[in-house]
Amino acid sequence: MLNTSLERIGCFDTVLDPYNGITIESKDLPSTKEEFEINLNFLINEVENKRNLIWIYIDIKKSDFIPICTQRGFIFHSCDEDYVLVVKRLKEYAVIPTCANHTLGVGAVVINENNELLVIKEKISNIGYKLPGGHIDNGEMISTAVVREVFEETGIEVEFESIISLGHFFPHQFHKSNLYVLCTANPKTYEINIQDTHEIIDAKWVDVNKYLEDETVLNYSKAVVLAALEYKGFIKANHEVLCHIRKDFELFFPIESKKLV
């Protein structure tokens, strides 16, 4: 069980984390730089002999607080569009967990009852037709992202079936790795109606065998389709196996694991 006890230090509400560090949320920061600086000095003096780390989320509206932190030994850890997370190591041996070091993407192999494969063509790519897919949004489940991406790029409604391939690419965007999850999905509708017309110029159903013979198709895409034809992959497991976790999650196991699904 994680220790997440609360402690008031100066003007800050701090939360103890599993690394014997304390975290301060952006909503708990004072309104002025002067008050922040005074209380930050007090905080460091109070905890430097008993804690390992100090984490502070700084809202973009209070970005003038950042130099105050860096002058006191804080370093950048991670960020989003509206905040920066900074951290100060109080003990030389203190472990600072690695920040997010990859982006996530998802693609789909969708084959209908006529042995036709759903494919798309992007505006920015000069490569031939590829499998529909794109970025997984923050906090989005894999199975949800598959359904959303296929619908946005083709207008086809699908139901997630399984994970068939996992690719790891480096370097990718933002000097990070990219994990690309290829899934199989079953079509629920069949009429093409592209939603994302800014990125997709064409979508269509094509005979699977003709797609595999097409010289303009990447060998990687062909390998994924062949795997989807031959294997069932990893399917979603029953959430009861982790019912004690109070988080959104998905579990995937080989289809042979009957006891878990």
C-alpha atoms as a PDB file:
ATOM      1  CA  MET A   1       0.000   0.000   0.000  1.00  0.00           C
ATOM      2  CA  LEU A   2       1.433   3.419  -0.923  1.00  0.00           C
ATOM      3  CA  ASN A   3       1.973   5.929   1.828  1.00  0.00           C
ATOM      4  CA  THR A   4       0.228   9.078   0.670  1.00  0.00           C
ATOM      5  CA  SER A   5      -0.042  10.922   3.970  1.00  0.00           C
ATOM      6  CA  LEU A   6      -0.613  14.680   3.918  1.00  0.00           C
ATOM      7  CA  GLU A   7       1.484  17.231   5.770  1.00  0.00           C
ATOM      8  CA  ARG A   8       1.206  21.011   5.904  1.00  0.00           C
ATOM      9  CA  ILE A   9       4.627  22.693   5.683  1.00  0.00           C
ATOM     10  CA  GLY A  10       4.591  26.467   5.530  1.00  0.00           C
ATOM     11  CA  CYS A  11       1.907  27.387   3.024  1.00  0.00           C
ATOM     12  CA  PHE A  12       2.243  24.097   1.154  1.00  0.00           C
ATOM     13  CA  ASP A  13       0.067  21.003   1.368  1.00  0.00           C
ATOM     14  CA  THR A  14       2.548  18.184   0.708  1.00  0.00           C
ATOM     15  CA  VAL A  15       1.904  14.547  -0.151  1.00  0.00           C
ATOM     16  CA  LEU A  16       4.380  11.807   0.743  1.00  0.00           C
ATOM     17  CA  ASP A  17       5.233   9.490  -2.148  1.00  0.00           C
ATOM     18  CA  PRO A  18       6.712   5.935  -2.366  1.00  0.00           C
ATOM     19  CA  TYR A  19      10.227   7.353  -2.905  1.00  0.00           C
ATOM     20  CA  ASN A  20      10.228   9.208   0.421  1.00  0.00           C
ATOM     21  CA  GLY A  21       9.676  12.379  -1.500  1.00  0.00           C
ATOM     22  CA  ILE A  22       7.013  15.026  -1.104  1.00  0.00           C
ATOM     23  CA  THR A  23       4.831  16.394  -3.871  1.00  0.00           C
ATOM     24  CA  ILE A  24       3.218  19.813  -4.132  1.00  0.00           C
ATOM     25  CA  GLU A  25       0.410  20.268  -6.653  1.00  0.00           C
ATOM     26  CA  SER A  26       0.116  23.473  -8.689  1.00  0.00           C
ATOM     27  CA  LYS A  27      -3.234  24.299  -7.090  1.00  0.00           C
ATOM     28  CA  ASP A  28      -1.495  24.520  -3.706  1.00  0.00           C
ATOM     29  CA  LEU A  29       1.061  27.146  -4.727  1.00  0.00           C
ATOM     30  CA  PRO A  30       0.760  30.699  -3.327  1.00  0.00           C
ATOM     31  CA  SER A  31      -0.267  33.576  -5.563  1.00  0.00           C
ATOM     32  CA  THR A  32       2.939  35.644  -5.450  1.00  0.00           C
ATOM     33  CA  LYS A  33       6.600  34.964  -6.161  1.00  0.00           C
ATOM     34  CA  GLU A  34       7.601  36.531  -2.865  1.00  0.00           C
ATOM     35  CA  GLU A  35       5.415  34.229  -0.812  1.00  0.00           C
ATOM     36  CA  PHE A  36       6.513  31.234  -2.863  1.00  0.00           C
ATOM     37  CA  GLU A  37      10.214  31.992  -2.379  1.00  0.00           C
ATOM     38  CA  ILE A  38       9.916  32.467   1.391  1.00  0.00           C
ATOM     39  CA  ASN A  39       7.924  29.277   1.844  1.00  0.00           C
ATOM     40  CA  LEU A  40      10.142  27.263  -0.489  1.00  0.00           C
ATOM     41  CA  ASN A  41      13.223  28.186   1.567  1.00  0.00           C
ATOM     42  CA  PHE A  42      11.374  27.147   4.724  1.00  0.00           C
ATOM     43  CA  LEU A  43      10.224  23.877   3.119  1.00  0.00           C
ATOM     44  CA  ILE A  44      13.735  22.871   2.026  1.00  0.00           C
ATOM     45  CA  ASN A  45      15.152  23.546   5.494  1.00  0.00           C
ATOM     46  CA  GLU A  46      12.346  21.572   7.135  1.00  0.00           C
ATOM     47  CA  VAL A  47      12.622  18.398   5.046  1.00  0.00           C
ATOM     48  CA  GLU A  48      16.197  18.185   3.727  1.00  0.00           C
ATOM     49  CA  ASN A  49      17.295  15.799   6.526  1.00  0.00           C
ATOM     50  CA  LYS A  50      14.276  13.481   6.438  1.00  0.00           C
ATOM     51  CA  ARG A  51      13.040  13.372   2.828  1.00  0.00           C
ATOM     52  CA  ASN A  52      14.720  12.314  -0.421  1.00  0.00           C
ATOM     53  CA  LEU A  53      12.956  14.432  -3.019  1.00  0.00           C
ATOM     54  CA  ILE A  54      10.771  17.499  -3.452  1.00  0.00           C
ATOM     55  CA  TRP A  55       8.408  17.545  -6.442  1.00  0.00           C
ATOM     56  CA  ILE A  56       6.565  20.703  -7.497  1.00  0.00           C
ATOM     57  CA  TYR A  57       4.008  21.056 -10.288  1.00  0.00           C
ATOM     58  CA  ILE A  58       4.206  24.616 -11.633  1.00  0.00           C
ATOM     59  CA  ASP A  59       1.258  25.878 -13.668  1.00  0.00           C
ATOM     60  CA  ILE A  60       2.101  27.779 -16.858  1.00  0.00           C
ATOM     61  CA  LYS A  61       0.373  30.832 -15.371  1.00  0.00           C
ATOM     62  CA  LYS A  62       3.003  30.828 -12.638  1.00  0.00           C
ATOM     63  CA  SER A  63       6.000  30.082 -14.835  1.00  0.00           C
ATOM     64  CA  ASP A  64       7.887  32.964 -13.179  1.00  0.00           C
ATOM     65  CA  PHE A  65       8.208  30.589 -10.189  1.00  0.00           C
ATOM     66  CA  ILE A  66      10.524  28.329 -12.229  1.00  0.00           C
ATOM     67  CA  PRO A  67      13.754  30.386 -11.825  1.00  0.00           C
ATOM     68  CA  ILE A  68      13.173  30.441  -8.057  1.00  0.00           C
ATOM     69  CA  CYS A  69      13.219  26.644  -8.092  1.00  0.00           C
ATOM     70  CA  THR A  70      16.182  26.172 -10.437  1.00  0.00           C
ATOM     71  CA  GLN A  71      18.261  28.584  -8.343  1.00  0.00           C
ATOM     72  CA  ARG A  72      17.723  26.171  -5.430  1.00  0.00           C
ATOM     73  CA  GLY A  73      18.799  23.040  -7.247  1.00  0.00           C
ATOM     74  CA  PHE A  74      15.538  21.891  -8.817  1.00  0.00           C
ATOM     75  CA  ILE A  75      15.741  20.275 -12.245  1.00  0.00           C
ATOM     76  CA  PHE A  76      13.134  19.735 -14.952  1.00  0.00           C
ATOM     77  CA  HIS A  77      11.529  16.309 -14.909  1.00  0.00           C
ATOM     78  CA  SER A  78       8.503  16.369 -17.246  1.00  0.00           C
ATOM     79  CA  CYS A  79       5.777  18.633 -18.555  1.00  0.00           C
ATOM     80  CA  ASP A  80       2.472  18.946 -20.343  1.00  0.00           C
ATOM     81  CA  GLU A  81       0.989  21.880 -22.235  1.00  0.00           C
ATOM     82  CA  ASP A  82      -0.035  23.699 -19.049  1.00  0.00           C
ATOM     83  CA  TYR A  83       2.556  22.721 -16.419  1.00  0.00           C
ATOM     84  CA  VAL A  84       6.194  21.863 -15.681  1.00  0.00           C
ATOM     85  CA  LEU A  85       7.162  19.299 -13.035  1.00  0.00           C
ATOM     86  CA  VAL A  86      10.432  20.095 -11.257  1.00  0.00           C
ATOM     87  CA  VAL A  87      12.249  17.984  -8.694  1.00  0.00           C
ATOM     88  CA  LYS A  88      15.047  18.538  -6.171  1.00  0.00           C
ATOM     89  CA  ARG A  89      17.218  15.659  -4.941  1.00  0.00           C
ATOM     90  CA  LEU A  90      17.829  16.100  -1.216  1.00  0.00           C
ATOM     91  CA  LYS A  91      19.933  12.937  -0.783  1.00  0.00           C
ATOM     92  CA  GLU A  92      22.715  11.932  -3.144  1.00  0.00           C
ATOM     93  CA  TYR A  93      21.414   8.362  -3.370  1.00  0.00           C
ATOM     94  CA  ALA A  94      17.775   9.380  -3.931  1.00  0.00           C
ATOM     95  CA  VAL A  95      16.115   7.686  -6.915  1.00  0.00           C
ATOM     96  CA  ILE A  96      14.315   9.970  -9.370  1.00  0.00           C
ATOM     97  CA  PRO A  97      11.933   7.822 -11.442  1.00  0.00           C
ATOM     98  CA  THR A  98      12.414   8.158 -15.184  1.00  0.00           C
ATOM     99  CA  CYS A  99       9.953  10.505 -16.837  1.00  0.00           C
ATOM    100  CA  ALA A 100       7.762   9.297 -19.692  1.00  0.00           C
ATOM    101  CA  ASN A 101      10.241   8.154 -22.331  1.00  0.00           C
ATOM    102  CA  HIS A 102       7.968   7.071 -25.137  1.00  0.00           C
ATOM    103  CA  THR A 103       4.910   7.994 -27.153  1.00  0.00           C
ATOM    104  CA  LEU A 104       2.117   5.519 -27.859  1.00  0.00           C
ATOM    105  CA  GLY A 105       0.438   4.703 -31.124  1.00  0.00           C
ATOM    106  CA  VAL A 106      -2.124   2.189 -32.297  1.00  0.00           C
ATOM    107  CA  GLY A 107      -3.025   0.655 -35.638  1.00  0.00           C
ATOM    108  CA  ALA A 108      -5.697  -1.770 -36.787  1.00  0.00           C
ATOM    109  CA  VAL A 109      -6.065  -4.737 -39.088  1.00  0.00           C
ATOM    110  CA  VAL A 110      -9.742  -4.771 -40.055  1.00  0.00           C
ATOM    111  CA  ILE A 111     -10.887  -7.528 -42.413  1.00  0.00           C
ATOM    112  CA  ASN A 112     -14.499  -7.919 -43.478  1.00  0.00           C
ATOM    113  CA  GLU A 113     -16.454 -11.068 -44.414  1.00  0.00           C
ATOM    114  CA  ASN A 114     -15.444 -10.649 -48.063  1.00  0.00           C
ATOM    115  CA  ASN A 115     -11.748 -11.005 -47.157  1.00  0.00           C
ATOM    116  CA  GLU A 116     -11.240  -7.283 -47.747  1.00  0.00           C
ATOM    117  CA  LEU A 117      -8.795  -5.211 -45.708  1.00  0.00           C
ATOM    118  CA  LEU A 118      -9.518  -1.644 -44.587  1.00  0.00           C
ATOM    119  CA  VAL A 119      -6.705   0.710 -45.641  1.00  0.00           C
ATOM    120  CA  ILE A 120      -6.057   4.455 -45.776  1.00  0.00           C
ATOM    121  CA  LYS A 121      -3.837   6.947 -47.583  1.00  0.00           C
ATOM    122  CA  GLU A 122      -2.427   9.970 -45.754  1.00  0.00           C
ATOM    123  CA  LYS A 123      -1.855  13.423 -47.200  1.00  0.00           C
ATOM    124  CA  ILE A 124       1.656  13.764 -45.755  1.00  0.00           C
ATOM    125  CA  SER A 125       2.895  10.357 -46.917  1.00  0.00           C
ATOM    126  CA  ASN A 126       4.030   9.383 -50.405  1.00  0.00           C
ATOM    127  CA  ILE A 127       3.911   5.700 -49.446  1.00  0.00           C
ATOM    128  CA  GLY A 128       1.050   3.538 -50.687  1.00  0.00           C
ATOM    129  CA  TYR A 129      -1.982   2.533 -48.670  1.00  0.00           C
ATOM    130  CA  LYS A 130      -1.427   1.665 -45.022  1.00  0.00           C
ATOM    131  CA  LEU A 131      -3.374   0.423 -42.035  1.00  0.00           C
ATOM    132  CA  PRO A 132      -5.492   2.989 -40.171  1.00  0.00           C
ATOM    133  CA  GLY A 133      -4.094   4.208 -36.860  1.00  0.00           C
ATOM    134  CA  GLY A 134      -2.551   7.071 -34.924  1.00  0.00           C
ATOM    135  CA  HIS A 135      -1.657   8.417 -31.497  1.00  0.00           C
ATOM    136  CA  ILE A 136      -3.197   7.130 -28.279  1.00  0.00           C
ATOM    137  CA  ASP A 137      -4.482  10.127 -26.318  1.00  0.00           C
ATOM    138  CA  ASN A 138      -3.486  10.745 -22.698  1.00  0.00           C
ATOM    139  CA  GLY A 139      -5.370   8.390 -20.399  1.00  0.00           C
ATOM    140  CA  GLU A 140      -6.966   6.544 -23.320  1.00  0.00           C
ATOM    141  CA  MET A 141      -7.211   2.764 -23.299  1.00  0.00           C
ATOM    142  CA  ILE A 142      -5.736   0.811 -26.219  1.00  0.00           C
ATOM    143  CA  SER A 143      -9.055  -0.748 -27.223  1.00  0.00           C
ATOM    144  CA  THR A 144     -10.759   2.656 -27.123  1.00  0.00           C
ATOM    145  CA  ALA A 145      -8.032   4.262 -29.231  1.00  0.00           C
ATOM    146  CA  VAL A 146      -8.395   1.572 -31.910  1.00  0.00           C
ATOM    147  CA  VAL A 147     -12.117   2.200 -32.266  1.00  0.00           C
ATOM    148  CA  ARG A 148     -11.654   5.996 -32.323  1.00  0.00           C
ATOM    149  CA  GLU A 149      -8.767   6.057 -34.811  1.00  0.00           C
ATOM    150  CA  VAL A 150     -10.424   3.707 -37.282  1.00  0.00           C
ATOM    151  CA  PHE A 151     -13.648   5.721 -37.178  1.00  0.00           C
ATOM    152  CA  GLU A 152     -11.868   9.083 -37.571  1.00  0.00           C
ATOM    153  CA  GLU A 153      -9.830   7.910 -40.557  1.00  0.00           C
ATOM    154  CA  THR A 154     -12.429   5.789 -42.356  1.00  0.00           C
ATOM    155  CA  GLY A 155     -15.870   6.297 -40.805  1.00  0.00           C
ATOM    156  CA  ILE A 156     -16.037   2.560 -40.148  1.00  0.00           C
ATOM    157  CA  GLU A 157     -17.243   1.460 -36.707  1.00  0.00           C
ATOM    158  CA  VAL A 158     -15.249  -1.460 -35.325  1.00  0.00           C
ATOM    159  CA  GLU A 159     -15.013  -3.625 -32.240  1.00  0.00           C
ATOM    160  CA  PHE A 160     -11.593  -4.354 -30.738  1.00  0.00           C
ATOM    161  CA  GLU A 161     -10.559  -8.013 -30.982  1.00  0.00           C
ATOM    162  CA  SER A 162      -6.898  -8.534 -30.032  1.00  0.00           C
ATOM    163  CA  ILE A 163      -3.325  -7.213 -29.961  1.00  0.00           C
ATOM    164  CA  ILE A 164      -1.319  -8.833 -32.740  1.00  0.00           C
ATOM    165  CA  SER A 165       2.003  -6.947 -32.819  1.00  0.00           C
ATOM    166  CA  LEU A 166       4.088  -4.515 -30.766  1.00  0.00           C
ATOM    167  CA  GLY A 167       6.728  -2.324 -32.349  1.00  0.00           C
ATOM    168  CA  HIS A 168       9.396  -0.248 -30.566  1.00  0.00           C
ATOM    169  CA  PHE A 169      10.999   2.564 -32.570  1.00  0.00           C
ATOM    170  CA  PHE A 170      13.820   4.929 -31.555  1.00  0.00           C
ATOM    171  CA  PRO A 171      14.454   7.750 -32.083  1.00  0.00           C
ATOM    172  CA  HIS A 172      10.957   9.098 -32.641  1.00  0.00           C
ATOM    173  CA  GLN A 173       9.230  12.386 -31.856  1.00  0.00           C
ATOM    174  CA  PHE A 174      10.598  14.592 -29.075  1.00  0.00           C
ATOM    175  CA  HIS A 175      13.794  12.459 -28.769  1.00  0.00           C
ATOM    176  CA  LYS A 176      11.676   9.649 -27.274  1.00  0.00           C
ATOM    177  CA  SER A 177      10.866   6.069 -28.165  1.00  0.00           C
ATOM    178  CA  ASN A 178       7.590   5.089 -29.786  1.00  0.00           C
ATOM    179  CA  LEU A 179       5.573   1.996 -28.950  1.00  0.00           C
ATOM    180  CA  TYR A 180       3.168   1.072 -31.731  1.00  0.00           C
ATOM    181  CA  VAL A 181       0.451  -1.434 -30.883  1.00  0.00           C
ATOM    182  CA  LEU A 182      -1.117  -3.234 -33.838  1.00  0.00           C
ATOM    183  CA  CYS A 183      -4.538  -4.708 -33.170  1.00  0.00           C
ATOM    184  CA  THR A 184      -7.200  -6.681 -34.954  1.00  0.00           C
ATOM    185  CA  ALA A 185     -10.741  -5.326 -34.971  1.00  0.00           C
ATOM    186  CA  ASN A 186     -14.030  -6.516 -36.402  1.00  0.00           C
ATOM    187  CA  PRO A 187     -16.079  -4.161 -38.599  1.00  0.00           C
ATOM    188  CA  LYS A 188     -19.594  -3.267 -37.470  1.00  0.00           C
ATOM    189  CA  THR A 189     -20.291  -1.015 -40.475  1.00  0.00           C
ATOM    190  CA  TYR A 190     -18.923  -1.041 -44.031  1.00  0.00           C
ATOM    191  CA  GLU A 191     -19.533   2.326 -45.718  1.00  0.00           C
ATOM    192  CA  ILE A 192     -16.446   4.541 -45.987  1.00  0.00           C
ATOM    193  CA  ASN A 193     -17.004   8.049 -44.648  1.00  0.00           C
ATOM    194  CA  ILE A 194     -13.715   9.755 -43.732  1.00  0.00           C
ATOM    195  CA  GLN A 195     -14.049  12.049 -40.721  1.00  0.00           C
ATOM    196  CA  ASP A 196     -10.491  13.396 -40.560  1.00  0.00           C
ATOM    197  CA  THR A 197     -10.295  14.913 -44.026  1.00  0.00           C
ATOM    198  CA  HIS A 198      -7.352  17.132 -43.014  1.00  0.00           C
ATOM    199  CA  GLU A 199      -5.011  14.128 -42.753  1.00  0.00           C
ATOM    200  CA  ILE A 200      -6.650  11.338 -44.781  1.00  0.00           C
ATOM    201  CA  ILE A 201      -7.194  11.651 -48.528  1.00  0.00           C
ATOM    202  CA  ASP A 202      -8.561   8.171 -49.184  1.00  0.00           C
ATOM    203  CA  ALA A 203      -9.833   5.055 -47.438  1.00  0.00           C
ATOM    204  CA  LYS A 204     -11.060   1.872 -49.020  1.00  0.00           C
ATOM    205  CA  TRP A 205     -11.606  -1.864 -48.741  1.00  0.00           C
ATOM    206  CA  VAL A 206      -9.062  -3.885 -50.711  1.00  0.00           C
ATOM    207  CA  ASP A 207      -8.731  -7.617 -51.273  1.00  0.00           C
ATOM    208  CA  VAL A 208      -6.262  -8.970 -48.701  1.00  0.00           C
ATOM    209  CA  ASN A 209      -4.284 -11.007 -51.233  1.00  0.00           C
ATOM    210  CA  LYS A 210      -3.952  -8.059 -53.615  1.00  0.00           C
ATOM    211  CA  TYR A 211      -2.738  -5.894 -50.728  1.00  0.00           C
ATOM    212  CA  LEU A 212      -0.078  -8.443 -49.829  1.00  0.00           C
ATOM    213  CA  GLU A 213       1.063  -8.519 -53.466  1.00  0.00           C
ATOM    214  CA  ASP A 214       1.169  -4.712 -53.829  1.00  0.00           C
ATOM    215  CA  GLU A 215       4.798  -3.564 -54.238  1.00  0.00           C
ATOM    216  CA  THR A 216       3.975  -0.075 -52.908  1.00  0.00           C
ATOM    217  CA  VAL A 217       2.954  -1.489 -49.516  1.00  0.00           C
ATOM    218  CA  LEU A 218       5.582  -1.554 -46.778  1.00  0.00           C
ATOM    219  CA  ASN A 219       6.844  -5.005 -45.813  1.00  0.00           C
ATOM    220  CA  TYR A 220       6.116  -4.099 -42.196  1.00  0.00           C
ATOM    221  CA  SER A 221       2.416  -3.634 -42.973  1.00  0.00           C
ATOM    222  CA  LYS A 222       2.352  -6.908 -44.872  1.00  0.00           C
ATOM    223  CA  ALA A 223       3.984  -8.735 -41.945  1.00  0.00           C
ATOM    224  CA  VAL A 224       1.344  -7.392 -39.558  1.00  0.00           C
ATOM    225  CA  VAL A 225      -1.506  -8.464 -41.836  1.00  0.00           C
ATOM    226  CA  LEU A 226       0.006 -11.932 -42.243  1.00  0.00           C
ATOM    227  CA  ALA A 227       0.312 -12.249 -38.469  1.00  0.00           C
ATOM    228  CA  ALA A 228      -3.329 -11.230 -38.065  1.00  0.00           C
ATOM    229  CA  LEU A 229      -4.376 -13.907 -40.537  1.00  0.00           C
ATOM    230  CA  GLU A 230      -2.387 -16.636 -38.789  1.00  0.00           C
ATOM    231  CA  TYR A 231      -2.609 -15.838 -35.074  1.00  0.00           C
ATOM    232  CA  LYS A 232      -5.280 -14.729 -32.611  1.00  0.00           C
ATOM    233  CA  GLY A 233      -2.914 -12.612 -30.537  1.00  0.00           C
ATOM    234  CA  PHE A 234      -3.602 -11.238 -27.063  1.00  0.00           C
ATOM    235  CA  ILE A 235      -7.207 -10.611 -26.075  1.00  0.00           C
ATOM    236  CA  LYS A 236      -8.607  -8.515 -23.223  1.00  0.00           C
ATOM    237  CA  ALA A 237      -8.783 -10.305 -19.893  1.00  0.00           C
ATOM    238  CA  ASN A 238     -11.565 -10.172 -17.356  1.00  0.00           C
ATOM    239  CA  HIS A 239     -10.986  -7.164 -15.082  1.00  0.00           C
ATOM    240  CA  GLU A 240     -11.801  -9.277 -12.028  1.00  0.00           C
ATOM    241  CA  VAL A 241      -8.188 -10.447 -11.831  1.00  0.00           C
ATOM    242  CA  LEU A 242      -7.195  -6.930 -10.776  1.00  0.00           C
ATOM    243  CA  CYS A 243     -10.450  -5.721  -9.262  1.00  0.00           C
ATOM    244  CA  HIS A 244      -8.577  -4.338  -6.229  1.00  0.00           C
ATOM    245  CA  ILE A 245      -6.812  -1.670  -8.314  1.00  0.00           C
ATOM    246  CA  ARG A 246      -8.631   1.633  -8.377  1.00  0.00           C
ATOM    247  CA  LYS A 247      -7.349   2.726 -11.765  1.00  0.00           C
ATOM    248  CA  ASP A 248      -8.370   2.432 -15.373  1.00  0.00           C
ATOM    249  CA  PHE A 249      -6.510  -0.502 -16.880  1.00  0.00           C
ATOM    250  CA  GLU A 250      -6.562  -3.155 -19.558  1.00  0.00           C
ATOM    251  CA  LEU A 251      -5.036  -6.627 -19.375  1.00  0.00           C
ATOM    252  CA  PHE A 252      -4.183  -8.742 -22.401  1.00  0.00           C
ATOM    253  CA  PHE A 253      -3.362 -12.450 -22.419  1.00  0.00           C
ATOM    254  CA  PRO A 254      -2.852 -15.076 -25.139  1.00  0.00           C
ATOM    255  CA  ILE A 255      -6.168 -16.481 -26.202  1.00  0.00           C
ATOM    256  CA  GLU A 256      -5.130 -19.901 -24.835  1.00  0.00           C
ATOM    257  CA  SER A 257      -5.246 -18.466 -21.268  1.00  0.00           C
ATOM    258  CA  LYS A 258      -8.863 -19.478 -20.821  1.00  0.00           C
ATOM    259  CA  LYS A 259      -8.821 -19.148 -17.036  1.00  0.00           C
ATOM    260  CA  LEU A 260      -8.040 -15.422 -17.193  1.00  0.00           C
ATOM    261  CA  VAL A 261     -10.420 -14.226 -19.894  1.00  0.00           C
END
